Amino acid sequence: MALSREKCGTITTVLALVPTIIVNGGMPVGTDHPNIYKMITKMKKAHALTEANIAQLNAGRGSKVGNRKYARIDGAITRMTTAYNSGAVDQIAFLKTIRQLINL
């Protein structure tokens, strides 16, 4: 959403647009016209969840895969990548296998 200088003339105009941008940007606030404190609280919660997920992924937790088919493909890609990194598989075989797994 490009904002021109005419639309953003005052700080009130900018603050009035923030809830719309946040709600339409995928971070639901829960109301059509949230106040600034509710918005900040929701943003802090979303940030904390993101930081927790990043920390868990860095600690070795795998990503959650909902469908059994995709979990199998994800496991096969992980095994093939590990084999390639250890030198057990050459580059051509690695790329062919990954291509087949992605096309499933």
Foldseek 3Di string as FASTA:
>chain_A
DDDDCVQPVDPVSVVQCVQVCCCVVPQNLPDPRDDPVSVVVSVVVVVVVVVVVVVVVVVPDDDDDDDPLVVVLVVVLVVLVVCVVVPVDDDVVSVVVNVVSVVD
